Amino acid sequence: MKKIFFTFFLLLLYSCDNDDLINELEGNNELPASVVFKNIPGGTFEMGGFTVQGDAPKVNVTLAGFQISEKEITNGQYIDFLNNSYLDGWIIVSSKSITDPCGTYSENMIIGEGKSPYPGEIFLQLAETGGCASSGEAEHIYNKSWISFDNSINKFELLDISKADWPVNWMKWFGADAYAQYYNVSLPTEAQWEYAARGGQQFDYPTDDGTLSLSKANYNGNVPGLYNPNGYSVATGSYPKNPYELYDMGGNVWEWCKDYYNETFYNDGAIDPVNTTPDSSSKRVRRGGSWNYHSATLLTYARASDFEYRGNNHFGFRIVKTTP
């Protein structure tokens, strides 16, 4: 009888360990309950428009239905990922020297560990300052990273609990995509992002009615290159939602997409396009503008790109998943 019970116990233990392993490998972890998705119906839309760099030709693109998070991923939601993925051996925290227009200094970084999809890559800079403009002026202290790491208890915490629903910032592409993979979801493709931003009505701006003003989005006016010492991101959902019930598709923080950037990638008649092939620059797409950028960057079809390892006080993301 004891032998039978012991054998059953071993089988049960093996089954639990095996399930944990399968979940870890497949990324079947449970998203924070606060991440709310909105259904986006499939369809065909006209993607693109006039841009100064001429990289957004008008083409008809067809997409299957999908779901997208109604808001940008917040500090609180990212901390949930950090604490769980830290226990799972996905990340470590290490101080590194960096140089930017403010000078050279050391900052704690969240770095991918062996079990993550991007070992050795920086996910997030735990910036203690608000950063600085390209000309060297210090930016508002509210642009700091609100996430800290207490190495006495090996836990990530918020510096200010009132900033839990602010969009996570200082985000590298690797940190955004790792979050998505951990929960078995995805970053939006560039086409999905634009389709959702247009609100089903071919809007030029991703607001409630397709027009733009400072009461509809968090951005830095109409003139490029102006320094705003009082600018910073604000709580997600602070501005009116678009017709698909999505908040902050324009402004607040830039949003990383899944695609590599290529100015000639999109063709008329494409179905569910996503650019998985890097060119010589290996830059990824980011969309939507930010509190620090002017109105033209908030156009639903405006395109921007950056290196995967870059990210600063106005880079964040949102996520998508397939429609069940």
Foldseek 3Di string as FASTA:
>chain_A
DVVVVVVVVVVVVVVVVVVVVVCLVQLADDAPPPFDKFKDAWDKDFAFDDDPVLLGDTAIETEHIWIWGQWFAFQQRLQVVVQVVVVVFQWDKDWDWDQALQGIDIWIFIATGDSFPHHGATFATQFQALDADNNNHGADRQLGFQWDADVVVGGIDGVDVVRRQWHGFRGFLSNQQRSQSNNNFGFAALVRLLSVQCLVPNAQFSFQVNDDDVQTEQADEADFPDDDRPFAADGWPNHHHHNSSHTQSAARAWAWGPAADDSPPDDHPHYPDGHPDHDPVRWTKIAHHYNYGHDNRRTSNRIDTDHSRGTGSRYGHITMHGDD
